[in-house]
Amino acid sequence: MHQSGSVSLCRSAISVLVATA
């Protein structure tokens, strides 16, 4: 459960960074 949430947030952050980059 904790890992899933962490991965979800990480994926979202990376997606945003890649999109802005």
N, C-alpha and C. Protein backbone atom coordinates (compact mmCIF):
# COMPACT_ATOMS: atom_id res chain seq x y z
N MET A 1 0.85 -1.20 0.00
CA MET A 1 0.00 0.00 0.00
C MET A 1 0.88 1.24 0.00
N HIS A 2 1.82 1.30 0.91
CA HIS A 2 2.70 2.48 0.97
C HIS A 2 3.54 2.59 -0.29
N GLN A 3 4.03 1.44 -0.74
CA GLN A 3 4.87 1.43 -1.94
C GLN A 3 4.06 1.92 -3.15
N SER A 4 2.82 1.44 -3.25
CA SER A 4 1.97 1.82 -4.38
C SER A 4 1.80 3.34 -4.41
N GLY A 5 1.49 3.92 -3.25
CA GLY A 5 1.31 5.37 -3.19
C GLY A 5 2.58 6.09 -3.56
N SER A 6 3.70 5.58 -3.08
CA SER A 6 4.99 6.22 -3.36
C SER A 6 5.28 6.18 -4.86
N VAL A 7 5.05 5.03 -5.47
CA VAL A 7 5.29 4.87 -6.90
C VAL A 7 4.36 5.80 -7.68
N SER A 8 3.11 5.87 -7.25
CA SER A 8 2.14 6.72 -7.94
C SER A 8 2.60 8.18 -7.93
N LEU A 9 3.00 8.66 -6.76
CA LEU A 9 3.46 10.05 -6.65
C LEU A 9 4.72 10.25 -7.47
N CYS A 10 5.61 9.28 -7.43
CA CYS A 10 6.87 9.38 -8.17
C CYS A 10 6.57 9.45 -9.67
N ARG A 11 5.69 8.59 -10.14
CA ARG A 11 5.33 8.58 -11.56
C ARG A 11 4.74 9.92 -11.96
N SER A 12 3.85 10.43 -11.13
CA SER A 12 3.20 11.71 -11.44
C SER A 12 4.25 12.82 -11.51
N ALA A 13 5.15 12.86 -10.55
CA ALA A 13 6.19 13.89 -10.51
C ALA A 13 7.07 13.79 -11.76
N ILE A 14 7.48 12.58 -12.11
CA ILE A 14 8.34 12.39 -13.29
C ILE A 14 7.60 12.83 -14.55
N SER A 15 6.32 12.47 -14.65
CA SER A 15 5.53 12.84 -15.82
C SER A 15 5.49 14.36 -15.97
N VAL A 16 5.27 15.05 -14.87
CA VAL A 16 5.20 16.51 -14.90
C VAL A 16 6.55 17.09 -15.30
N LEU A 17 7.61 16.56 -14.71
CA LEU A 17 8.96 17.05 -15.02
C LEU A 17 9.28 16.84 -16.50
N VAL A 18 8.96 15.67 -17.01
CA VAL A 18 9.22 15.35 -18.42
C VAL A 18 8.38 16.24 -19.32
N ALA A 19 7.12 16.45 -18.94
CA ALA A 19 6.23 17.27 -19.75
C ALA A 19 6.74 18.71 -19.82
N THR A 20 7.16 19.23 -18.66
CA THR A 20 7.65 20.61 -18.63
C THR A 20 9.01 20.71 -19.32
N ALA A 21 9.79 19.63 -19.21
CA ALA A 21 11.12 19.63 -19.82
C ALA A 21 10.95 19.47 -21.33
